[in-house]
Amino acid sequence: MATIWKVDPAHSEVQFKVKHLVISTVAGNFNSFDGQIEAEQEDFSDAQVQFTIDAASIDTNKKDRDNHLKSADFFDTENYPTLTFQSRSFEKKQDNEYVLSGDLTIKGHTELVQFKVAFGGTATDPYGNYKAGFEAETKISRKAFGLKWNDLTETGSVVVADEVKIVLNLQFVKQV
């Protein structure tokens, strides 16, 4: 029988990084998200993963930039309030290393993506909750998801790079 594991948002984070002006990196977070893993195997080798992010929860520590990212130029959160991920496979490569493949949907565009996943293990917290920890990362083309806005500087450099790095540090709580 499959076990359900729910994401613990108090001990998890969803981050992204993108080059700005090709010379530095801007990082941000999504502060509101939900997800679960369903697995029969203790090593999660048969896991099915679902994840949803509230697009309007984007936070780059700059209100004006966040508002621009929420606009139709980028995420268009009024018309596309969520980003979703549905796994196709969770393949164990060795010890605690996996490849998670699935469909990522952003702004109505769905693409197959692969995350490199490190399984941190399991532990019981001080309140008796049994938890599992994972770190996952991937790189995507933002333009493939309809996030095409850009501008050029006076010297012809792009303002925002196409490649976006996504890093998730997640704890899941076993449901009983």
C-alpha atoms as a PDB file:
ATOM      1  CA  MET A   1       0.000   0.000   0.000  1.00  0.00           C
ATOM      2  CA  ALA A   2       1.308   3.419  -0.960  1.00  0.00           C
ATOM      3  CA  THR A   3       2.382   5.933   1.650  1.00  0.00           C
ATOM      4  CA  ILE A   4       1.538   9.622   1.262  1.00  0.00           C
ATOM      5  CA  TRP A   5       4.105  12.255   2.195  1.00  0.00           C
ATOM      6  CA  LYS A   6       3.015  15.937   2.331  1.00  0.00           C
ATOM      7  CA  VAL A   7       5.419  18.831   1.900  1.00  0.00           C
ATOM      8  CA  ASP A   8       6.283  20.716   5.096  1.00  0.00           C
ATOM      9  CA  PRO A   9       6.330  24.363   3.939  1.00  0.00           C
ATOM     10  CA  ALA A  10       7.888  25.568   7.208  1.00  0.00           C
ATOM     11  CA  HIS A  11      11.033  23.554   6.437  1.00  0.00           C
ATOM     12  CA  SER A  12      11.102  23.806   2.649  1.00  0.00           C
ATOM     13  CA  GLU A  13      11.994  26.376   0.023  1.00  0.00           C
ATOM     14  CA  VAL A  14      11.551  26.891  -3.700  1.00  0.00           C
ATOM     15  CA  GLN A  15      14.245  29.088  -5.240  1.00  0.00           C
ATOM     16  CA  PHE A  16      15.238  30.245  -8.696  1.00  0.00           C
ATOM     17  CA  LYS A  17      18.264  32.043 -10.118  1.00  0.00           C
ATOM     18  CA  VAL A  18      18.679  33.873 -13.412  1.00  0.00           C
ATOM     19  CA  LYS A  19      21.469  35.956 -14.900  1.00  0.00           C
ATOM     20  CA  HIS A  20      20.856  39.707 -15.094  1.00  0.00           C
ATOM     21  CA  LEU A  21      22.769  41.755 -17.677  1.00  0.00           C
ATOM     22  CA  VAL A  22      24.913  38.617 -18.170  1.00  0.00           C
ATOM     23  CA  ILE A  23      27.166  39.800 -15.326  1.00  0.00           C
ATOM     24  CA  SER A  24      25.393  38.783 -12.127  1.00  0.00           C
ATOM     25  CA  THR A  25      22.660  36.540 -10.787  1.00  0.00           C
ATOM     26  CA  VAL A  26      19.294  37.520  -9.355  1.00  0.00           C
ATOM     27  CA  ALA A  27      17.701  35.013  -6.999  1.00  0.00           C
ATOM     28  CA  GLY A  28      14.158  34.707  -5.789  1.00  0.00           C
ATOM     29  CA  ASN A  29      11.731  32.428  -4.016  1.00  0.00           C
ATOM     30  CA  PHE A  30       8.169  31.296  -4.248  1.00  0.00           C
ATOM     31  CA  ASN A  31       6.778  31.494  -0.731  1.00  0.00           C
ATOM     32  CA  SER A  32       3.529  29.547  -1.147  1.00  0.00           C
ATOM     33  CA  PHE A  33       3.496  25.981  -2.467  1.00  0.00           C
ATOM     34  CA  ASP A  34       2.086  22.542  -1.813  1.00  0.00           C
ATOM     35  CA  GLY A  35       3.086  19.064  -2.833  1.00  0.00           C
ATOM     36  CA  GLN A  36       3.053  15.399  -2.061  1.00  0.00           C
ATOM     37  CA  ILE A  37       4.842  12.172  -2.767  1.00  0.00           C
ATOM     38  CA  GLU A  38       3.098   8.833  -3.044  1.00  0.00           C
ATOM     39  CA  ALA A  39       5.392   5.808  -2.767  1.00  0.00           C
ATOM     40  CA  GLU A  40       5.277   2.161  -1.747  1.00  0.00           C
ATOM     41  CA  GLN A  41       9.047   1.639  -1.554  1.00  0.00           C
ATOM     42  CA  GLU A  42      10.972   2.968   1.465  1.00  0.00           C
ATOM     43  CA  ASP A  43      13.713   4.254  -0.839  1.00  0.00           C
ATOM     44  CA  PHE A  44      11.114   6.217  -2.886  1.00  0.00           C
ATOM     45  CA  SER A  45      12.218   4.443  -6.081  1.00  0.00           C
ATOM     46  CA  ASP A  46       8.576   4.189  -7.212  1.00  0.00           C
ATOM     47  CA  ALA A  47       7.551   7.696  -6.102  1.00  0.00           C
ATOM     48  CA  GLN A  48       4.883   9.750  -7.820  1.00  0.00           C
ATOM     49  CA  VAL A  49       5.311  13.478  -7.163  1.00  0.00           C
ATOM     50  CA  GLN A  50       2.820  16.333  -7.466  1.00  0.00           C
ATOM     51  CA  PHE A  51       3.709  19.947  -6.767  1.00  0.00           C
ATOM     52  CA  THR A  52       1.867  23.263  -7.063  1.00  0.00           C
ATOM     53  CA  ILE A  53       3.284  26.763  -6.637  1.00  0.00           C
ATOM     54  CA  ASP A  54       1.289  29.956  -6.132  1.00  0.00           C
ATOM     55  CA  ALA A  55       2.776  32.174  -8.871  1.00  0.00           C
ATOM     56  CA  ALA A  56       1.795  35.377  -7.044  1.00  0.00           C
ATOM     57  CA  SER A  57       3.971  34.337  -4.085  1.00  0.00           C
ATOM     58  CA  ILE A  58       7.111  35.228  -6.059  1.00  0.00           C
ATOM     59  CA  ASP A  59       9.594  37.153  -3.928  1.00  0.00           C
ATOM     60  CA  THR A  60      12.869  38.659  -5.159  1.00  0.00           C
ATOM     61  CA  ASN A  61      13.100  41.120  -2.270  1.00  0.00           C
ATOM     62  CA  LYS A  62      12.187  44.010  -4.602  1.00  0.00           C
ATOM     63  CA  LYS A  63       8.494  44.924  -4.774  1.00  0.00           C
ATOM     64  CA  ASP A  64       8.672  46.638  -8.187  1.00  0.00           C
ATOM     65  CA  ARG A  65      10.482  43.682  -9.750  1.00  0.00           C
ATOM     66  CA  ASP A  66       8.035  41.227  -8.130  1.00  0.00           C
ATOM     67  CA  ASN A  67       5.094  43.184  -9.548  1.00  0.00           C
ATOM     68  CA  HIS A  68       6.703  43.102 -13.013  1.00  0.00           C
ATOM     69  CA  LEU A  69       7.230  39.338 -12.700  1.00  0.00           C
ATOM     70  CA  LYS A  70       3.548  38.912 -11.775  1.00  0.00           C
ATOM     71  CA  SER A  71       2.465  40.931 -14.831  1.00  0.00           C
ATOM     72  CA  ALA A  72       1.601  39.621 -18.308  1.00  0.00           C
ATOM     73  CA  ASP A  73       5.251  40.264 -19.318  1.00  0.00           C
ATOM     74  CA  PHE A  74       6.227  37.233 -17.240  1.00  0.00           C
ATOM     75  CA  PHE A  75       3.991  34.937 -15.143  1.00  0.00           C
ATOM     76  CA  ASP A  76       0.656  36.696 -15.781  1.00  0.00           C
ATOM     77  CA  THR A  77      -0.551  35.566 -12.363  1.00  0.00           C
ATOM     78  CA  GLU A  78      -4.037  36.950 -12.932  1.00  0.00           C
ATOM     79  CA  ASN A  79      -4.640  34.444 -15.745  1.00  0.00           C
ATOM     80  CA  TYR A  80      -2.170  31.719 -14.668  1.00  0.00           C
ATOM     81  CA  PRO A  81      -2.237  31.628 -10.852  1.00  0.00           C
ATOM     82  CA  THR A  82      -0.258  28.387 -10.426  1.00  0.00           C
ATOM     83  CA  LEU A  83       2.810  26.566 -11.638  1.00  0.00           C
ATOM     84  CA  THR A  84       2.386  22.781 -11.528  1.00  0.00           C
ATOM     85  CA  PHE A  85       4.549  19.694 -11.716  1.00  0.00           C
ATOM     86  CA  GLN A  86       3.383  16.108 -12.222  1.00  0.00           C
ATOM     87  CA  SER A  87       6.013  13.389 -12.244  1.00  0.00           C
ATOM     88  CA  ARG A  88       6.360  10.706 -14.897  1.00  0.00           C
ATOM     89  CA  SER A  89       9.196   8.824 -13.181  1.00  0.00           C
ATOM     90  CA  PHE A  90      11.509   8.901 -10.178  1.00  0.00           C
ATOM     91  CA  GLU A  91      14.530   6.823 -11.096  1.00  0.00           C
ATOM     92  CA  LYS A  92      17.154   5.797  -8.576  1.00  0.00           C
ATOM     93  CA  LYS A  93      20.634   6.187 -10.067  1.00  0.00           C
ATOM     94  CA  GLN A  94      22.755   5.236  -7.055  1.00  0.00           C
ATOM     95  CA  ASP A  95      22.578   5.343  -3.253  1.00  0.00           C
ATOM     96  CA  ASN A  96      20.803   8.661  -2.631  1.00  0.00           C
ATOM     97  CA  GLU A  97      20.809  10.090  -6.162  1.00  0.00           C
ATOM     98  CA  TYR A  98      17.732  10.107  -8.369  1.00  0.00           C
ATOM     99  CA  VAL A  99      16.417  11.643 -11.576  1.00  0.00           C
ATOM    100  CA  LEU A 100      12.882  13.018 -11.346  1.00  0.00           C
ATOM    101  CA  SER A 101      11.172  13.470 -14.723  1.00  0.00           C
ATOM    102  CA  GLY A 102       7.821  15.090 -15.232  1.00  0.00           C
ATOM    103  CA  ASP A 103       5.615  17.735 -16.742  1.00  0.00           C
ATOM    104  CA  LEU A 104       6.175  21.300 -15.581  1.00  0.00           C
ATOM    105  CA  THR A 105       3.436  23.774 -16.512  1.00  0.00           C
ATOM    106  CA  ILE A 106       4.076  27.513 -16.362  1.00  0.00           C
ATOM    107  CA  LYS A 107       1.808  30.130 -17.920  1.00  0.00           C
ATOM    108  CA  GLY A 108      -0.143  27.453 -19.799  1.00  0.00           C
ATOM    109  CA  HIS A 109       2.976  25.898 -21.380  1.00  0.00           C
ATOM    110  CA  THR A 110       3.906  22.332 -20.417  1.00  0.00           C
ATOM    111  CA  GLU A 111       7.397  20.920 -20.929  1.00  0.00           C
ATOM    112  CA  LEU A 112       9.086  17.712 -19.827  1.00  0.00           C
ATOM    113  CA  VAL A 113      11.829  18.530 -17.316  1.00  0.00           C
ATOM    114  CA  GLN A 114      14.328  16.472 -15.358  1.00  0.00           C
ATOM    115  CA  PHE A 115      15.501  17.271 -11.857  1.00  0.00           C
ATOM    116  CA  LYS A 116      18.664  15.890 -10.298  1.00  0.00           C
ATOM    117  CA  VAL A 117      17.550  14.826  -6.826  1.00  0.00           C
ATOM    118  CA  ALA A 118      19.598  14.118  -3.719  1.00  0.00           C
ATOM    119  CA  PHE A 119      17.696  12.170  -1.058  1.00  0.00           C
ATOM    120  CA  GLY A 120      18.861  13.448   2.322  1.00  0.00           C
ATOM    121  CA  GLY A 121      17.328  10.604   4.283  1.00  0.00           C
ATOM    122  CA  THR A 122      14.615  10.298   6.891  1.00  0.00           C
ATOM    123  CA  ALA A 123      14.342  11.361  10.510  1.00  0.00           C
ATOM    124  CA  THR A 124      11.787  11.806  13.261  1.00  0.00           C
ATOM    125  CA  ASP A 125      11.389  15.395  14.447  1.00  0.00           C
ATOM    126  CA  PRO A 126      10.976  16.372  18.136  1.00  0.00           C
ATOM    127  CA  TYR A 127       7.176  16.183  17.737  1.00  0.00           C
ATOM    128  CA  GLY A 128       7.133  12.593  16.500  1.00  0.00           C
ATOM    129  CA  ASN A 129       6.645  13.419  12.810  1.00  0.00           C
ATOM    130  CA  TYR A 130       8.525  11.133  10.425  1.00  0.00           C
ATOM    131  CA  LYS A 131      10.128  13.218   7.677  1.00  0.00           C
ATOM    132  CA  ALA A 132      12.055  12.767   4.444  1.00  0.00           C
ATOM    133  CA  GLY A 133      14.345  15.389   2.934  1.00  0.00           C
ATOM    134  CA  PHE A 134      15.224  16.075  -0.690  1.00  0.00           C
ATOM    135  CA  GLU A 135      17.173  18.625  -2.686  1.00  0.00           C
ATOM    136  CA  ALA A 136      16.278  18.898  -6.359  1.00  0.00           C
ATOM    137  CA  GLU A 137      17.599  21.117  -9.108  1.00  0.00           C
ATOM    138  CA  THR A 138      17.158  21.703 -12.804  1.00  0.00           C
ATOM    139  CA  LYS A 139      17.669  24.349 -15.461  1.00  0.00           C
ATOM    140  CA  ILE A 140      14.908  25.439 -17.818  1.00  0.00           C
ATOM    141  CA  SER A 141      14.461  27.822 -20.719  1.00  0.00           C
ATOM    142  CA  ARG A 142      12.046  30.470 -19.515  1.00  0.00           C
ATOM    143  CA  LYS A 143      11.113  31.266 -23.128  1.00  0.00           C
ATOM    144  CA  ALA A 144       9.878  27.672 -23.608  1.00  0.00           C
ATOM    145  CA  PHE A 145       7.248  28.483 -20.971  1.00  0.00           C
ATOM    146  CA  GLY A 146       6.105  31.731 -22.588  1.00  0.00           C
ATOM    147  CA  LEU A 147       8.199  34.002 -20.350  1.00  0.00           C
ATOM    148  CA  LYS A 148       9.617  35.905 -23.308  1.00  0.00           C
ATOM    149  CA  TRP A 149       9.897  39.507 -22.132  1.00  0.00           C
ATOM    150  CA  ASN A 150      13.338  40.985 -22.454  1.00  0.00           C
ATOM    151  CA  ASP A 151      15.057  44.235 -23.198  1.00  0.00           C
ATOM    152  CA  LEU A 152      18.463  45.234 -24.477  1.00  0.00           C
ATOM    153  CA  THR A 153      20.952  47.553 -22.869  1.00  0.00           C
ATOM    154  CA  GLU A 154      22.568  50.370 -24.823  1.00  0.00           C
ATOM    155  CA  THR A 155      25.482  48.032 -25.601  1.00  0.00           C
ATOM    156  CA  GLY A 156      23.176  45.258 -26.882  1.00  0.00           C
ATOM    157  CA  SER A 157      23.313  42.928 -23.864  1.00  0.00           C
ATOM    158  CA  VAL A 158      20.139  41.155 -22.805  1.00  0.00           C
ATOM    159  CA  VAL A 159      18.641  42.193 -19.493  1.00  0.00           C
ATOM    160  CA  VAL A 160      17.360  38.752 -18.424  1.00  0.00           C
ATOM    161  CA  ALA A 161      18.961  35.459 -19.496  1.00  0.00           C
ATOM    162  CA  ASP A 162      16.859  32.642 -20.936  1.00  0.00           C
ATOM    163  CA  GLU A 163      18.227  29.918 -18.641  1.00  0.00           C
ATOM    164  CA  VAL A 164      16.715  29.726 -15.167  1.00  0.00           C
ATOM    165  CA  LYS A 165      18.091  27.483 -12.430  1.00  0.00           C
ATOM    166  CA  ILE A 166      15.475  26.026 -10.077  1.00  0.00           C
ATOM    167  CA  VAL A 167      16.496  24.659  -6.672  1.00  0.00           C
ATOM    168  CA  LEU A 168      14.092  23.004  -4.248  1.00  0.00           C
ATOM    169  CA  ASN A 169      14.988  22.043  -0.688  1.00  0.00           C
ATOM    170  CA  LEU A 170      12.042  20.072   0.599  1.00  0.00           C
ATOM    171  CA  GLN A 171      10.979  18.198   3.698  1.00  0.00           C
ATOM    172  CA  PHE A 172       8.000  15.882   3.491  1.00  0.00           C
ATOM    173  CA  VAL A 173       5.964  14.556   6.403  1.00  0.00           C
ATOM    174  CA  LYS A 174       4.729  10.962   6.348  1.00  0.00           C
ATOM    175  CA  GLN A 175       0.956  10.849   6.654  1.00  0.00           C
ATOM    176  CA  VAL A 176      -0.552   8.266   8.980  1.00  0.00           C
END
